[in-house]
Protein backbone atom coordinates (compact mmCIF):
# COMPACT_ATOMS: atom_id res chain seq x y z
CA MET A 1 28.82 -51.00 43.01
CA PRO A 2 28.56 -47.70 45.62
CA SER A 3 31.26 -45.62 46.12
CA ILE A 4 33.24 -45.43 49.55
CA MET A 5 32.27 -41.87 49.79
CA SER A 6 28.38 -42.40 49.49
CA LYS A 7 28.72 -45.19 51.96
CA LYS A 8 30.24 -43.24 54.53
CA LYS A 9 27.89 -40.24 53.97
CA LYS A 10 24.92 -42.61 54.36
CA ASP A 11 26.06 -44.22 57.35
CA GLU A 12 26.70 -41.04 59.29
CA PRO A 13 24.22 -40.07 61.62
CA PHE A 14 22.24 -36.78 61.34
CA ASP A 15 23.53 -34.37 63.76
CA PRO A 16 21.46 -31.03 63.83
CA ARG A 17 23.84 -29.21 65.53
CA ASN A 18 26.45 -29.81 63.02
CA LEU A 19 25.16 -28.55 59.80
CA LYS A 20 26.55 -27.38 56.72
CA PRO A 21 25.64 -23.93 55.63
CA GLU A 22 23.43 -24.95 52.86
CA GLU A 23 21.65 -27.22 55.22
CA VAL A 24 20.62 -24.61 58.12
CA LEU A 25 17.92 -22.95 56.05
CA LYS A 26 16.60 -26.85 54.64
CA PHE A 27 16.62 -27.93 58.30
CA GLU A 28 14.88 -24.67 59.50
CA ILE A 29 12.15 -25.12 56.90
CA ALA A 30 11.87 -29.16 57.92
CA GLU A 31 11.23 -28.06 61.40
CA GLU A 32 8.58 -25.48 60.37
CA LEU A 33 6.70 -28.24 58.64
CA GLY A 34 7.27 -30.56 61.49
CA LEU A 35 9.38 -32.97 59.66
CA SER A 36 12.55 -32.36 61.80
CA ASP A 37 11.93 -35.64 64.24
CA LYS A 38 11.87 -37.52 60.92
CA VAL A 39 15.22 -36.04 59.52
CA ILE A 40 17.06 -36.59 62.79
CA ALA A 41 15.97 -40.04 63.01
CA GLY A 42 16.45 -40.90 59.56
CA GLY A 43 18.42 -38.10 57.99
CA TRP A 44 17.35 -36.55 54.66
CA ARG A 45 16.70 -39.73 52.70
CA SER A 46 13.94 -40.74 55.15
CA LEU A 47 11.63 -38.11 53.61
CA THR A 48 9.19 -38.84 50.89
CA ALA A 49 9.66 -37.24 47.38
CA LYS A 50 6.50 -34.75 48.30
CA GLU A 51 8.21 -33.72 51.51
CA SER A 52 11.62 -33.22 50.18
CA GLY A 53 9.97 -31.14 46.84
CA ARG A 54 7.90 -28.98 49.62
CA ILE A 55 10.93 -28.03 51.54
CA GLY A 56 12.80 -27.49 48.04
CA GLY A 57 10.14 -25.29 47.20
CA LEU A 58 10.04 -23.23 50.22
CA VAL A 59 14.09 -22.88 50.42
CA THR A 60 13.78 -21.18 46.82
CA LYS A 61 11.09 -19.03 48.04
CA ARG A 62 13.00 -17.89 51.17
CA LYS A 63 16.16 -17.39 49.18
CA ARG A 64 14.30 -15.28 46.68
CA GLU A 65 12.60 -13.30 49.40
CA MET A 66 16.23 -12.65 51.26
CA LYS A 67 17.64 -11.61 47.81
CA GLN A 68 14.74 -9.27 47.40
CA GLU A 69 15.16 -7.82 51.14
CA ALA A 70 18.97 -7.39 50.51
CA LEU A 71 18.12 -5.64 47.44
CA ASP A 72 15.60 -3.25 49.10
CA ARG A 73 17.84 -2.24 51.85
CA ASP A 74 20.64 -1.40 49.32
CA LEU A 75 18.17 1.40 47.72
């Protein structure tokens, strides 16, 4: 039996103007990959495992690069 919380989250429409901070970078990458329309239409759950994995990999890479740039600035 699904919880009320998960049902509520599932029923919420995706709004790119109202993103949580952790979703901003994720959505930017989805835009770069040409997946933003798919995410807006069906939410993150509409993506295939391959698409989600690609986004996740690029998020990790981008965060690593941002961290390195911050470290380089501090030197």
